[in-house]
Structures are given as structure tokens and as C-alpha cells.
C-alpha atoms as a PDB file:
ATOM      1  CA  MET A   1      10.310   6.224  25.503  1.00  0.00           C
ATOM      2  CA  ILE A   2      11.859   3.689  23.151  1.00  0.00           C
ATOM      3  CA  ALA A   3      15.239   5.353  22.621  1.00  0.00           C
ATOM      4  CA  ASP A   4      16.888   8.713  23.338  1.00  0.00           C
ATOM      5  CA  PHE A   5      19.302   9.813  20.618  1.00  0.00           C
ATOM      6  CA  ARG A   6      19.385  13.509  21.591  1.00  0.00           C
ATOM      7  CA  SER A   7      22.977  13.341  22.829  1.00  0.00           C
ATOM      8  CA  ASP A   8      25.562  11.063  24.374  1.00  0.00           C
ATOM      9  CA  THR A   9      25.394  13.326  27.440  1.00  0.00           C
ATOM     10  CA  ILE A  10      22.168  11.665  28.607  1.00  0.00           C
ATOM     11  CA  THR A  11      23.824   8.378  29.632  1.00  0.00           C
ATOM     12  CA  LYS A  12      23.343   7.021  33.148  1.00  0.00           C
ATOM     13  CA  PRO A  13      26.162   5.464  35.204  1.00  0.00           C
ATOM     14  CA  THR A  14      26.465   1.701  34.871  1.00  0.00           C
ATOM     15  CA  PRO A  15      26.188  -0.439  38.041  1.00  0.00           C
ATOM     16  CA  GLY A  16      29.976  -0.809  38.119  1.00  0.00           C
ATOM     17  CA  MET A  17      30.462   2.939  37.821  1.00  0.00           C
ATOM     18  CA  LEU A  18      27.923   3.639  40.576  1.00  0.00           C
ATOM     19  CA  ASN A  19      29.694   1.205  42.853  1.00  0.00           C
ATOM     20  CA  ALA A  20      33.036   2.902  42.172  1.00  0.00           C
ATOM     21  CA  MET A  21      31.469   6.266  43.028  1.00  0.00           C
ATOM     22  CA  ILE A  22      29.982   4.962  46.274  1.00  0.00           C
ATOM     23  CA  GLU A  23      33.302   3.492  47.386  1.00  0.00           C
ATOM     24  CA  ALA A  24      35.428   6.513  46.409  1.00  0.00           C
ATOM     25  CA  LYS A  25      37.836   7.988  48.936  1.00  0.00           C
ATOM     26  CA  VAL A  26      37.351  11.737  49.044  1.00  0.00           C
ATOM     27  CA  GLY A  27      38.877  14.879  50.464  1.00  0.00           C
ATOM     28  CA  ASP A  28      38.623  18.566  49.601  1.00  0.00           C
ATOM     29  CA  ASP A  29      39.878  19.312  46.110  1.00  0.00           C
ATOM     30  CA  VAL A  30      40.240  23.051  46.756  1.00  0.00           C
ATOM     31  CA  PHE A  31      42.875  22.085  49.323  1.00  0.00           C
ATOM     32  CA  GLY A  32      44.261  19.591  46.805  1.00  0.00           C
ATOM     33  CA  ASP A  33      43.730  16.597  49.049  1.00  0.00           C
ATOM     34  CA  ASP A  34      40.951  14.659  47.363  1.00  0.00           C
ATOM     35  CA  PRO A  35      42.820  11.435  46.520  1.00  0.00           C
ATOM     36  CA  THR A  36      40.400  10.283  43.833  1.00  0.00           C
ATOM     37  CA  VAL A  37      40.479  13.614  42.000  1.00  0.00           C
ATOM     38  CA  ASN A  38      44.262  13.549  42.168  1.00  0.00           C
ATOM     39  CA  GLU A  39      44.258   9.999  40.797  1.00  0.00           C
ATOM     40  CA  LEU A  40      41.981  10.932  37.888  1.00  0.00           C
ATOM     41  CA  GLU A  41      44.099  13.957  36.984  1.00  0.00           C
ATOM     42  CA  SER A  42      47.306  11.927  37.215  1.00  0.00           C
ATOM     43  CA  LYS A  43      45.805   9.095  35.166  1.00  0.00           C
ATOM     44  CA  LEU A  44      44.738  11.325  32.274  1.00  0.00           C
ATOM     45  CA  ALA A  45      47.955  13.348  32.323  1.00  0.00           C
ATOM     46  CA  GLY A  46      49.850  10.066  32.106  1.00  0.00           C
ATOM     47  CA  LEU A  47      47.723   8.754  29.252  1.00  0.00           C
ATOM     48  CA  PHE A  48      48.376  11.861  27.169  1.00  0.00           C
ATOM     49  CA  GLN A  49      51.964  12.257  28.423  1.00  0.00           C
ATOM     50  CA  MET A  50      51.268  15.806  29.549  1.00  0.00           C
ATOM     51  CA  GLU A  51      52.602  17.324  32.735  1.00  0.00           C
ATOM     52  CA  ALA A  52      49.431  18.081  34.659  1.00  0.00           C
ATOM     53  CA  ALA A  53      45.643  18.054  34.624  1.00  0.00           C
ATOM     54  CA  MET A  54      42.684  19.757  36.305  1.00  0.00           C
ATOM     55  CA  PHE A  55      39.186  18.347  36.870  1.00  0.00           C
ATOM     56  CA  CYS A  56      36.409  20.732  35.793  1.00  0.00           C
ATOM     57  CA  ALA A  57      32.631  20.764  36.017  1.00  0.00           C
ATOM     58  CA  SER A  58      32.125  20.808  32.242  1.00  0.00           C
ATOM     59  CA  GLY A  59      33.786  20.897  28.865  1.00  0.00           C
ATOM     60  CA  THR A  60      32.734  24.504  28.438  1.00  0.00           C
ATOM     61  CA  MET A  61      34.516  25.434  31.652  1.00  0.00           C
ATOM     62  CA  ALA A  62      37.656  23.546  30.614  1.00  0.00           C
ATOM     63  CA  ASN A  63      37.704  25.179  27.175  1.00  0.00           C
ATOM     64  CA  GLN A  64      37.063  28.663  28.518  1.00  0.00           C
ATOM     65  CA  ILE A  65      39.789  28.343  31.134  1.00  0.00           C
ATOM     66  CA  ALA A  66      42.239  27.187  28.463  1.00  0.00           C
ATOM     67  CA  ILE A  67      41.375  30.159  26.253  1.00  0.00           C
ATOM     68  CA  ARG A  68      41.807  32.495  29.212  1.00  0.00           C
ATOM     69  CA  CYS A  69      45.231  31.001  29.930  1.00  0.00           C
ATOM     70  CA  HIS A  70      46.427  31.454  26.354  1.00  0.00           C
ATOM     71  CA  THR A  71      45.115  34.934  25.530  1.00  0.00           C
ATOM     72  CA  GLN A  72      45.128  38.525  26.665  1.00  0.00           C
ATOM     73  CA  PRO A  73      42.366  41.124  26.164  1.00  0.00           C
ATOM     74  CA  GLY A  74      42.430  42.134  22.512  1.00  0.00           C
ATOM     75  CA  SER A  75      43.725  38.758  21.344  1.00  0.00           C
ATOM     76  CA  GLU A  76      42.207  36.719  18.542  1.00  0.00           C
ATOM     77  CA  VAL A  77      41.421  33.004  18.494  1.00  0.00           C
ATOM     78  CA  ILE A  78      41.426  31.108  15.206  1.00  0.00           C
ATOM     79  CA  CYS A  79      38.780  28.373  15.003  1.00  0.00           C
ATOM     80  CA  HIS A  80      36.208  26.873  12.650  1.00  0.00           C
ATOM     81  CA  LYS A  81      32.960  28.804  12.289  1.00  0.00           C
ATOM     82  CA  ASN A  82      31.048  25.789  13.675  1.00  0.00           C
ATOM     83  CA  SER A  83      33.286  25.290  16.708  1.00  0.00           C
ATOM     84  CA  HIS A  84      31.672  24.560  20.052  1.00  0.00           C
ATOM     85  CA  ILE A  85      33.774  27.302  21.675  1.00  0.00           C
ATOM     86  CA  TYR A  86      32.096  29.804  19.359  1.00  0.00           C
ATOM     87  CA  LEU A  87      28.547  28.497  18.884  1.00  0.00           C
ATOM     88  CA  TYR A  88      27.704  26.790  22.152  1.00  0.00           C
ATOM     89  CA  GLU A  89      29.612  28.416  24.999  1.00  0.00           C
ATOM     90  CA  GLY A  90      27.527  31.524  25.547  1.00  0.00           C
ATOM     91  CA  GLY A  91      29.955  34.004  24.010  1.00  0.00           C
ATOM     92  CA  GLY A  92      32.534  32.947  26.576  1.00  0.00           C
ATOM     93  CA  VAL A  93      35.547  33.844  24.434  1.00  0.00           C
ATOM     94  CA  SER A  94      34.574  37.505  24.568  1.00  0.00           C
ATOM     95  CA  LEU A  95      33.026  37.456  28.049  1.00  0.00           C
ATOM     96  CA  ASN A  96      35.746  35.556  29.901  1.00  0.00           C
ATOM     97  CA  SER A  97      38.854  36.454  27.907  1.00  0.00           C
ATOM     98  CA  LEU A  98      37.920  39.739  26.164  1.00  0.00           C
ATOM     99  CA  ALA A  99      39.177  38.121  22.965  1.00  0.00           C
ATOM    100  CA  SER A 100      37.746  37.997  19.461  1.00  0.00           C
ATOM    101  CA  VAL A 101      37.534  35.077  17.041  1.00  0.00           C
ATOM    102  CA  ARG A 102      38.681  34.546  13.466  1.00  0.00           C
ATOM    103  CA  LEU A 103      36.143  32.125  12.017  1.00  0.00           C
ATOM    104  CA  LEU A 104      37.276  29.796   9.247  1.00  0.00           C
ATOM    105  CA  ASP A 105      35.297  27.540   6.933  1.00  0.00           C
ATOM    106  CA  GLY A 106      36.294  23.975   6.175  1.00  0.00           C
ATOM    107  CA  ASP A 107      35.074  20.521   5.247  1.00  0.00           C
ATOM    108  CA  ARG A 108      32.897  18.947   7.984  1.00  0.00           C
ATOM    109  CA  GLY A 109      34.007  21.517  10.523  1.00  0.00           C
ATOM    110  CA  MET A 110      37.741  21.010  10.156  1.00  0.00           C
ATOM    111  CA  ILE A 111      40.434  23.514   9.224  1.00  0.00           C
ATOM    112  CA  THR A 112      43.865  23.116   7.632  1.00  0.00           C
ATOM    113  CA  ALA A 113      47.374  24.352   8.331  1.00  0.00           C
ATOM    114  CA  ASN A 114      47.288  26.488   5.186  1.00  0.00           C
ATOM    115  CA  GLN A 115      44.114  28.206   6.376  1.00  0.00           C
ATOM    116  CA  VAL A 116      45.662  28.930   9.749  1.00  0.00           C
ATOM    117  CA  ALA A 117      48.800  30.375   8.155  1.00  0.00           C
ATOM    118  CA  GLU A 118      46.709  32.626   5.898  1.00  0.00           C
ATOM    119  CA  ASN A 119      44.685  34.029   8.803  1.00  0.00           C
ATOM    120  CA  ILE A 120      47.380  35.068  11.275  1.00  0.00           C
ATOM    121  CA  ASN A 121      47.336  38.828  11.763  1.00  0.00           C
ATOM    122  CA  ASN A 122      50.409  40.993  11.383  1.00  0.00           C
ATOM    123  CA  LYS A 123      51.567  41.777  14.921  1.00  0.00           C
ATOM    124  CA  ASN A 124      52.837  45.153  13.763  1.00  0.00           C
ATOM    125  CA  ASP A 125      49.454  46.226  12.415  1.00  0.00           C
ATOM    126  CA  VAL A 126      47.788  48.247  15.185  1.00  0.00           C
ATOM    127  CA  HIS A 127      44.437  47.914  13.418  1.00  0.00           C
ATOM    128  CA  ALA A 128      44.297  44.135  13.869  1.00  0.00           C
ATOM    129  CA  ALA A 129      43.814  41.949  16.923  1.00  0.00           C
ATOM    130  CA  ILE A 130      46.860  39.958  17.990  1.00  0.00           C
ATOM    131  CA  THR A 131      46.482  36.330  16.923  1.00  0.00           C
ATOM    132  CA  SER A 132      47.293  34.259  20.010  1.00  0.00           C
ATOM    133  CA  LEU A 133      45.589  30.894  19.845  1.00  0.00           C
ATOM    134  CA  VAL A 134      44.373  28.202  17.445  1.00  0.00           C
ATOM    135  CA  SER A 135      41.585  25.925  18.681  1.00  0.00           C
ATOM    136  CA  LEU A 136      40.445  22.679  17.059  1.00  0.00           C
ATOM    137  CA  GLU A 137      37.519  20.411  17.937  1.00  0.00           C
ATOM    138  CA  ASN A 138      37.911  16.630  17.661  1.00  0.00           C
ATOM    139  CA  THR A 139      35.595  14.951  16.966  1.00  0.00           C
ATOM    140  CA  MET A 140      33.751  17.777  15.273  1.00  0.00           C
ATOM    141  CA  ASN A 141      30.159  17.846  16.505  1.00  0.00           C
ATOM    142  CA  LYS A 142      28.693  19.993  13.703  1.00  0.00           C
ATOM    143  CA  GLY A 143      30.737  17.990  11.215  1.00  0.00           C
ATOM    144  CA  GLY A 144      28.901  14.783  12.057  1.00  0.00           C
ATOM    145  CA  GLY A 145      31.562  13.467  14.416  1.00  0.00           C
ATOM    146  CA  ALA A 146      34.379  14.020  11.902  1.00  0.00           C
ATOM    147  CA  CYS A 147      37.926  13.197  13.000  1.00  0.00           C
ATOM    148  CA  TYR A 148      41.114  15.109  12.240  1.00  0.00           C
ATOM    149  CA  GLU A 149      44.059  13.261  10.707  1.00  0.00           C
ATOM    150  CA  LEU A 150      47.167  13.441  12.868  1.00  0.00           C
ATOM    151  CA  ASP A 151      49.281  14.624   9.951  1.00  0.00           C
ATOM    152  CA  GLU A 152      47.092  17.736   9.568  1.00  0.00           C
ATOM    153  CA  ILE A 153      47.238  18.404  13.303  1.00  0.00           C
ATOM    154  CA  ARG A 154      51.038  18.185  13.159  1.00  0.00           C
ATOM    155  CA  GLU A 155      51.126  20.661  10.281  1.00  0.00           C
ATOM    156  CA  ILE A 156      48.895  23.093  12.189  1.00  0.00           C
ATOM    157  CA  ASN A 157      51.128  22.709  15.250  1.00  0.00           C
ATOM    158  CA  LYS A 158      54.136  23.548  13.076  1.00  0.00           C
ATOM    159  CA  VAL A 159      52.428  26.757  11.926  1.00  0.00           C
ATOM    160  CA  CYS A 160      51.605  27.623  15.539  1.00  0.00           C
ATOM    161  CA  LYS A 161      55.191  27.150  16.677  1.00  0.00           C
ATOM    162  CA  GLU A 162      56.560  29.188  13.780  1.00  0.00           C
ATOM    163  CA  ASN A 163      54.233  32.059  14.713  1.00  0.00           C
ATOM    164  CA  ASP A 164      54.421  31.817  18.507  1.00  0.00           C
ATOM    165  CA  LEU A 165      50.770  30.756  18.841  1.00  0.00           C
ATOM    166  CA  LYS A 166      49.263  28.478  21.462  1.00  0.00           C
ATOM    167  CA  PHE A 167      47.362  25.390  20.345  1.00  0.00           C
ATOM    168  CA  HIS A 168      44.241  24.074  22.136  1.00  0.00           C
ATOM    169  CA  LEU A 169      42.092  21.015  21.485  1.00  0.00           C
ATOM    170  CA  ASP A 170      38.444  20.836  22.450  1.00  0.00           C
ATOM    171  CA  GLY A 171      38.446  17.066  22.880  1.00  0.00           C
ATOM    172  CA  ALA A 172      34.854  16.703  24.015  1.00  0.00           C
ATOM    173  CA  ARG A 173      34.635  13.440  22.054  1.00  0.00           C
ATOM    174  CA  LEU A 174      38.363  12.803  21.702  1.00  0.00           C
ATOM    175  CA  PHE A 175      38.093   9.193  22.846  1.00  0.00           C
ATOM    176  CA  ASN A 176      35.636   8.573  20.009  1.00  0.00           C
ATOM    177  CA  ALA A 177      38.323   9.815  17.617  1.00  0.00           C
ATOM    178  CA  LEU A 178      41.011   7.700  19.295  1.00  0.00           C
ATOM    179  CA  VAL A 179      38.896   4.567  18.938  1.00  0.00           C
ATOM    180  CA  ALA A 180      37.742   5.308  15.387  1.00  0.00           C
ATOM    181  CA  LYS A 181      41.178   6.220  14.031  1.00  0.00           C
ATOM    182  CA  LYS A 182      43.135   3.782  16.232  1.00  0.00           C
ATOM    183  CA  GLN A 183      45.235   6.661  17.513  1.00  0.00           C
ATOM    184  CA  SER A 184      46.934   6.959  20.883  1.00  0.00           C
ATOM    185  CA  PRO A 185      46.458   9.678  23.523  1.00  0.00           C
ATOM    186  CA  GLU A 186      50.173  10.510  23.610  1.00  0.00           C
ATOM    187  CA  ASP A 187      50.057  11.349  19.889  1.00  0.00           C
ATOM    188  CA  PHE A 188      47.756  14.241  20.811  1.00  0.00           C
ATOM    189  CA  GLY A 189      49.615  15.194  23.969  1.00  0.00           C
ATOM    190  CA  LYS A 190      52.714  15.874  21.861  1.00  0.00           C
ATOM    191  CA  GLU A 191      50.942  18.393  19.639  1.00  0.00           C
ATOM    192  CA  PHE A 192      48.767  20.586  21.869  1.00  0.00           C
ATOM    193  CA  ASP A 193      49.480  23.076  24.635  1.00  0.00           C
ATOM    194  CA  THR A 194      46.150  22.201  26.261  1.00  0.00           C
ATOM    195  CA  ILE A 195      43.501  19.526  25.731  1.00  0.00           C
ATOM    196  CA  SER A 196      40.039  19.309  27.256  1.00  0.00           C
ATOM    197  CA  VAL A 197      38.622  15.795  27.622  1.00  0.00           C
ATOM    198  CA  CYS A 198      34.933  15.312  28.375  1.00  0.00           C
ATOM    199  CA  LEU A 199      33.996  12.367  30.603  1.00  0.00           C
ATOM    200  CA  SER A 200      30.220  12.681  30.291  1.00  0.00           C
ATOM    201  CA  LYS A 201      29.780  11.782  26.610  1.00  0.00           C
ATOM    202  CA  GLY A 202      31.070   8.545  25.076  1.00  0.00           C
ATOM    203  CA  LEU A 203      32.799   7.572  28.308  1.00  0.00           C
ATOM    204  CA  GLY A 204      29.426   7.588  30.066  1.00  0.00           C
ATOM    205  CA  CYS A 205      30.145   9.554  33.253  1.00  0.00           C
ATOM    206  CA  PRO A 206      27.445  11.689  34.871  1.00  0.00           C
ATOM    207  CA  VAL A 207      29.424  14.933  34.790  1.00  0.00           C
ATOM    208  CA  GLY A 208      32.880  16.420  34.350  1.00  0.00           C
ATOM    209  CA  SER A 209      35.764  17.230  32.015  1.00  0.00           C
ATOM    210  CA  VAL A 210      39.512  17.369  32.521  1.00  0.00           C
ATOM    211  CA  LEU A 211      41.879  20.034  31.192  1.00  0.00           C
ATOM    212  CA  LEU A 212      45.430  18.899  30.396  1.00  0.00           C
ATOM    213  CA  GLY A 213      48.578  20.945  29.926  1.00  0.00           C
ATOM    214  CA  SER A 214      51.887  21.970  31.418  1.00  0.00           C
ATOM    215  CA  LYS A 215      52.316  22.431  35.170  1.00  0.00           C
ATOM    216  CA  GLU A 216      52.706  26.164  34.649  1.00  0.00           C
ATOM    217  CA  THR A 217      49.505  26.400  32.612  1.00  0.00           C
ATOM    218  CA  MET A 218      47.529  24.243  35.047  1.00  0.00           C
ATOM    219  CA  ASN A 219      48.665  26.416  37.976  1.00  0.00           C
ATOM    220  CA  LYS A 220      47.283  29.410  36.119  1.00  0.00           C
ATOM    221  CA  ALA A 221      44.178  27.425  35.177  1.00  0.00           C
ATOM    222  CA  ARG A 222      43.369  26.617  38.815  1.00  0.00           C
ATOM    223  CA  ARG A 223      43.240  30.302  39.595  1.00  0.00           C
ATOM    224  CA  PHE A 224      40.826  30.943  36.713  1.00  0.00           C
ATOM    225  CA  ARG A 225      38.729  27.925  37.729  1.00  0.00           C
ATOM    226  CA  LYS A 226      38.410  29.402  41.214  1.00  0.00           C
ATOM    227  CA  VAL A 227      37.418  32.800  39.819  1.00  0.00           C
ATOM    228  CA  MET A 228      34.714  31.083  37.748  1.00  0.00           C
ATOM    229  CA  GLY A 229      33.344  29.436  40.869  1.00  0.00           C
ATOM    230  CA  GLY A 230      34.642  26.047  39.794  1.00  0.00           C
ATOM    231  CA  GLY A 231      36.412  24.963  42.970  1.00  0.00           C
ATOM    232  CA  TRP A 232      35.384  21.420  43.920  1.00  0.00           C
ATOM    233  CA  ARG A 233      35.037  20.022  47.423  1.00  0.00           C
ATOM    234  CA  GLN A 234      34.415  16.236  47.707  1.00  0.00           C
ATOM    235  CA  ALA A 235      34.642  15.846  43.941  1.00  0.00           C
ATOM    236  CA  GLY A 236      36.185  12.412  44.262  1.00  0.00           C
ATOM    237  CA  PHE A 237      32.739  10.840  43.985  1.00  0.00           C
ATOM    238  CA  LEU A 238      32.550  12.226  40.435  1.00  0.00           C
ATOM    239  CA  ALA A 239      36.216  11.612  39.670  1.00  0.00           C
ATOM    240  CA  ALA A 240      35.736   7.934  40.550  1.00  0.00           C
ATOM    241  CA  ALA A 241      33.278   7.668  37.672  1.00  0.00           C
ATOM    242  CA  GLY A 242      35.952   9.026  35.328  1.00  0.00           C
ATOM    243  CA  ILE A 243      38.549   6.519  36.524  1.00  0.00           C
ATOM    244  CA  TYR A 244      36.072   3.667  36.101  1.00  0.00           C
ATOM    245  CA  ALA A 245      35.208   4.844  32.581  1.00  0.00           C
ATOM    246  CA  LEU A 246      38.845   5.049  31.519  1.00  0.00           C
ATOM    247  CA  ASP A 247      39.463   1.539  32.848  1.00  0.00           C
ATOM    248  CA  ASN A 248      36.293  -0.110  31.548  1.00  0.00           C
ATOM    249  CA  GLN A 249      34.392   1.919  28.950  1.00  0.00           C
ATOM    250  CA  VAL A 250      36.806   3.052  26.254  1.00  0.00           C
ATOM    251  CA  GLU A 251      36.902   0.040  23.922  1.00  0.00           C
ATOM    252  CA  ARG A 252      33.102  -0.290  23.999  1.00  0.00           C
ATOM    253  CA  ILE A 253      32.852   3.093  22.222  1.00  0.00           C
ATOM    254  CA  GLN A 254      33.318   1.141  18.987  1.00  0.00           C
ATOM    255  CA  ASP A 255      29.841  -0.306  19.544  1.00  0.00           C
ATOM    256  CA  ASP A 256      28.401   3.222  19.441  1.00  0.00           C
ATOM    257  CA  HIS A 257      30.174   3.833  16.140  1.00  0.00           C
ATOM    258  CA  ASP A 258      28.886   0.580  14.686  1.00  0.00           C
ATOM    259  CA  LYS A 259      25.302   1.447  15.640  1.00  0.00           C
ATOM    260  CA  ALA A 260      25.657   4.917  14.139  1.00  0.00           C
ATOM    261  CA  LYS A 261      26.891   3.473  10.837  1.00  0.00           C
ATOM    262  CA  VAL A 262      23.932   1.082  10.702  1.00  0.00           C
ATOM    263  CA  LEU A 263      21.578   3.988  11.322  1.00  0.00           C
ATOM    264  CA  ALA A 264      23.288   6.137   8.685  1.00  0.00           C
ATOM    265  CA  ALA A 265      23.037   3.351   6.094  1.00  0.00           C
ATOM    266  CA  VAL A 266      19.311   2.958   6.728  1.00  0.00           C
ATOM    267  CA  LEU A 267      18.676   6.692   6.515  1.00  0.00           C
ATOM    268  CA  LYS A 268      20.413   6.860   3.126  1.00  0.00           C
ATOM    269  CA  SER A 269      17.799   4.458   1.772  1.00  0.00           C
ATOM    270  CA  LEU A 270      14.765   6.426   2.955  1.00  0.00           C
ATOM    271  CA  GLY A 271      12.808   8.716   0.634  1.00  0.00           C
ATOM    272  CA  PHE A 272      12.445  11.602   3.070  1.00  0.00           C
ATOM    273  CA  VAL A 273      16.213  11.924   3.533  1.00  0.00           C
ATOM    274  CA  GLN A 274      18.025  14.119   1.048  1.00  0.00           C
ATOM    275  CA  LYS A 275      21.567  13.636   2.311  1.00  0.00           C
ATOM    276  CA  VAL A 276      23.411  11.898   5.161  1.00  0.00           C
ATOM    277  CA  MET A 277      26.674  13.396   6.351  1.00  0.00           C
ATOM    278  CA  GLU A 278      29.633  11.010   6.364  1.00  0.00           C
ATOM    279  CA  CYS A 279      29.499   9.002   9.604  1.00  0.00           C
ATOM    280  CA  GLU A 280      32.867   8.323  11.242  1.00  0.00           C
ATOM    281  CA  THR A 281      31.944   8.015  14.893  1.00  0.00           C
ATOM    282  CA  ASN A 282      28.734   8.174  16.944  1.00  0.00           C
ATOM    283  CA  ILE A 283      26.997  11.183  15.374  1.00  0.00           C
ATOM    284  CA  VAL A 284      24.550  10.900  12.485  1.00  0.00           C
ATOM    285  CA  ILE A 285      23.457  14.163  10.857  1.00  0.00           C
ATOM    286  CA  PHE A 286      21.085  14.103   7.903  1.00  0.00           C
ATOM    287  CA  GLU A 287      19.220  16.562   5.724  1.00  0.00           C
ATOM    288  CA  LEU A 288      15.496  16.189   5.114  1.00  0.00           C
ATOM    289  CA  ILE A 289      13.764  16.814   1.805  1.00  0.00           C
ATOM    290  CA  ASP A 290      12.317  20.302   1.369  1.00  0.00           C
ATOM    291  CA  SER A 291       8.712  19.282   2.088  1.00  0.00           C
ATOM    292  CA  ILE A 292       9.462  18.155   5.669  1.00  0.00           C
ATOM    293  CA  SER A 293      10.456  20.544   8.429  1.00  0.00           C
ATOM    294  CA  PRO A 294      12.981  19.265  10.993  1.00  0.00           C
ATOM    295  CA  GLN A 295      10.669  20.406  13.796  1.00  0.00           C
ATOM    296  CA  HIS A 296       7.778  18.337  12.426  1.00  0.00           C
ATOM    297  CA  PHE A 297      10.004  15.312  11.910  1.00  0.00           C
ATOM    298  CA  VAL A 298      11.482  15.454  15.432  1.00  0.00           C
ATOM    299  CA  SER A 299       8.029  15.962  16.958  1.00  0.00           C
ATOM    300  CA  SER A 300       6.586  13.043  14.999  1.00  0.00           C
ATOM    301  CA  LEU A 301       9.348  10.707  16.124  1.00  0.00           C
ATOM    302  CA  SER A 302       8.969  11.872  19.716  1.00  0.00           C
ATOM    303  CA  GLU A 303       5.298  10.872  19.628  1.00  0.00           C
ATOM    304  CA  LYS A 304       6.430   7.376  18.632  1.00  0.00           C
ATOM    305  CA  GLY A 305       8.989   7.205  21.442  1.00  0.00           C
ATOM    306  CA  VAL A 306      12.221   8.174  19.664  1.00  0.00           C
ATOM    307  CA  ALA A 307      14.008  11.349  20.757  1.00  0.00           C
ATOM    308  CA  CYS A 308      16.417  13.281  18.524  1.00  0.00           C
ATOM    309  CA  VAL A 309      17.159  16.963  17.849  1.00  0.00           C
ATOM    310  CA  THR A 310      17.048  19.494  15.045  1.00  0.00           C
ATOM    311  CA  PHE A 311      20.536  20.634  14.108  1.00  0.00           C
ATOM    312  CA  GLY A 312      20.216  23.559  11.753  1.00  0.00           C
ATOM    313  CA  LYS A 313      18.290  24.312   8.590  1.00  0.00           C
ATOM    314  CA  LYS A 314      16.731  21.048   7.336  1.00  0.00           C
ATOM    315  CA  LEU A 315      19.103  19.029   9.553  1.00  0.00           C
ATOM    316  CA  VAL A 316      18.434  16.405  12.237  1.00  0.00           C
ATOM    317  CA  ARG A 317      20.982  14.778  14.553  1.00  0.00           C
ATOM    318  CA  PHE A 318      21.054  11.330  16.153  1.00  0.00           C
ATOM    319  CA  VAL A 319      23.798  10.425  18.634  1.00  0.00           C
ATOM    320  CA  THR A 320      24.456   6.837  19.699  1.00  0.00           C
ATOM    321  CA  HIS A 321      25.779   5.997  23.164  1.00  0.00           C
ATOM    322  CA  LEU A 322      26.095   3.223  25.738  1.00  0.00           C
ATOM    323  CA  ASP A 323      22.415   3.369  26.733  1.00  0.00           C
ATOM    324  CA  ILE A 324      21.225   2.525  23.201  1.00  0.00           C
ATOM    325  CA  THR A 325      20.640  -1.230  22.956  1.00  0.00           C
ATOM    326  CA  ASP A 326      20.448  -3.383  19.826  1.00  0.00           C
ATOM    327  CA  SER A 327      16.711  -3.776  20.420  1.00  0.00           C
ATOM    328  CA  GLN A 328      16.204  -0.004  20.693  1.00  0.00           C
ATOM    329  CA  LEU A 329      18.138   0.529  17.476  1.00  0.00           C
ATOM    330  CA  ASP A 330      16.013  -2.065  15.664  1.00  0.00           C
ATOM    331  CA  GLN A 331      12.784  -0.481  16.905  1.00  0.00           C
ATOM    332  CA  THR A 332      14.016   2.960  15.865  1.00  0.00           C
ATOM    333  CA  ILE A 333      14.843   1.726  12.381  1.00  0.00           C
ATOM    334  CA  ASP A 334      11.345   0.245  12.054  1.00  0.00           C
ATOM    335  CA  ILE A 335       9.823   3.592  13.076  1.00  0.00           C
ATOM    336  CA  LEU A 336      11.993   5.477  10.569  1.00  0.00           C
ATOM    337  CA  LYS A 337      11.042   3.092   7.780  1.00  0.00           C
ATOM    338  CA  SER A 338       7.355   3.597   8.529  1.00  0.00           C
ATOM    339  CA  PHE A 339       7.541   7.414   8.658  1.00  0.00           C
ATOM    340  CA  LYS A 340       4.866   8.962   6.431  1.00  0.00           C
ATOM    341  CA  PHE A 341       5.804  11.983   4.332  1.00  0.00           C
END
């Protein structure tokens, strides 16, 4: 294998991260006495200036717990039609929360305050589900790593407050957005009721996400986490990786973005590529010409030692991450340039 661009979830812990994990002080998180888990939760809550946090096994778990906290059976969640919570979480909104979804369209997977306002159901109409929650995704995976502008988020928050709706952020790649847009965590903490932050993507941890919110919401969330079988024991070994990443591996995310932009620029020049989605962060999505199937293209590259994934009709996705070296990127570009079609 020359390079694996399938996802930024495939990263391995760095030597420094492994050492931090080995040396972690641990307890039993179900009893609340794992000091390293408590430190990670406190650290992230402090960064985002939110009251409390809860370490979870995955981003899906964190998102689903948040939705469960903010809805009742028969509620409706407003989100983009390409949202992770809808497409990639196993129908969890309906299974875990007995809620439905109002799916909106929007440029590169992002929605606007006006769209939200236009899609809130009348609470007095017994025929309609009760709109309870708005969920955004930042960066937007299916939108090629697109980032929301803070001004739009503030406008959506205003609509939520005016209509007594909760506001959740699926921040699976939020640190990519923070680095790319030069934004601060507290800017987001001010706007959302809950935020999920994934540690196992750009931050390079082996596993885990953290859900942030108020103390009241996190107390409720811990109960739902337990019901889902998500109670940790000596989770401090994993939490130590998160602390190390936050201290040492945030600024380096810019390198992933730079590599992705180089890759996107090369792809735009190649004859078998019809269109490359705008590249803001570490995700490169491109459309192949009609005569090439994504499956054939991905298989052909795999035979040459480059792994990537199909991502919809005629689409292919590359994701850069900390395990992609300059040499691997150069070799990949040479392979792309020599692709026969």
C-alpha cells in the first residue's frame, strides 16, 4: 500500500500519543472516578466554554444521545438531506428517539436560517410532527468538507431561540473547520445547546468522541449513554489520546488541508475528472466523466496501491490525514496522472 485516503479515521496513534496512553492514570468512568476521562471532559468543556462534557465511544453515539436528549417521540429534527445523522447512523433518529426528520437541500450540504424558519411546523396542527431540534454538520462530509460561516450559524440560532427549538452540532470534523476558518471553540459553544466532537479523525486518536452541553443535559445524556451500553470502565487510556491530540495535534491539521488542496488542483487538470468540489479542508470529492465508473476507478487505484472510496453516483472521495506523507502524496499524484481511460 502506497497511501490510504479512504478516511481520516484510519490514522494510527503517534509515538507521543501511545506513550501518553501507556502512562495514563485510570479509574472506573461509570463510577465517575477515571481521572483522565474527567480531565478530557473538563478540557473540552473549557475550550468551548460549555458547562459539561461526556466521553463517548463514537460520534454516532454522541449525536444520537444528543438527539434523544432534545426530542420526544413524535418530534421532528430539521437537518440537511446529506447529514451524517440521517445517512450514516443506521436510522438512529427513528430507532433511538422515535423522531422523524425534515430534510432540507442546500449548497454543499449546508442549510440557512431562512430555510429553517420556513420548515418549522405549526405546533397547533395535530397533523404535523412537533419541530424540536435543528442539527448542523461542520465540516460537512458530503459537501466536500465545507465549513459553515459563523454569521449563518448565529442566524440559525436566533431562529431556534425564537421558536423554542434546540440546536445541535455534529462536529465530527469541527477542528478542521476551526483551523480552516481561524475560528475559536468558544464561538461555537455560545451558539449550540450540544456539540459532538470526534477525536478519531483529524485529531488522530484511535477512538472516541465527546458530547458537550449544559450540566443538566449531560446528566440526562449519561443515562442515555448507559442505556445504549456506552458506560466506560478504564477509559482513561483512550481519553489520554484525546488530551494529547488537543495539546499537540490541532495546528498540524493545516497540513492535511494543504495536501488536499494540492490534490484537488491536480485532479482539476486531469481528463477523466469532470468536476472537483470546492476544497476547504481535508476532503476532496470529484466527479468522473461518464465513461468511467467510480467502482472501476477505485479498484484500479487500489491495484496500484492507492486506497480511496466511491461516494455516490460518479463520485470518488479522498481524505487527507496525519498518516499521509509528502512522498505518498507525490506518488499518488503520479499514479493519477498516469491513469488510463
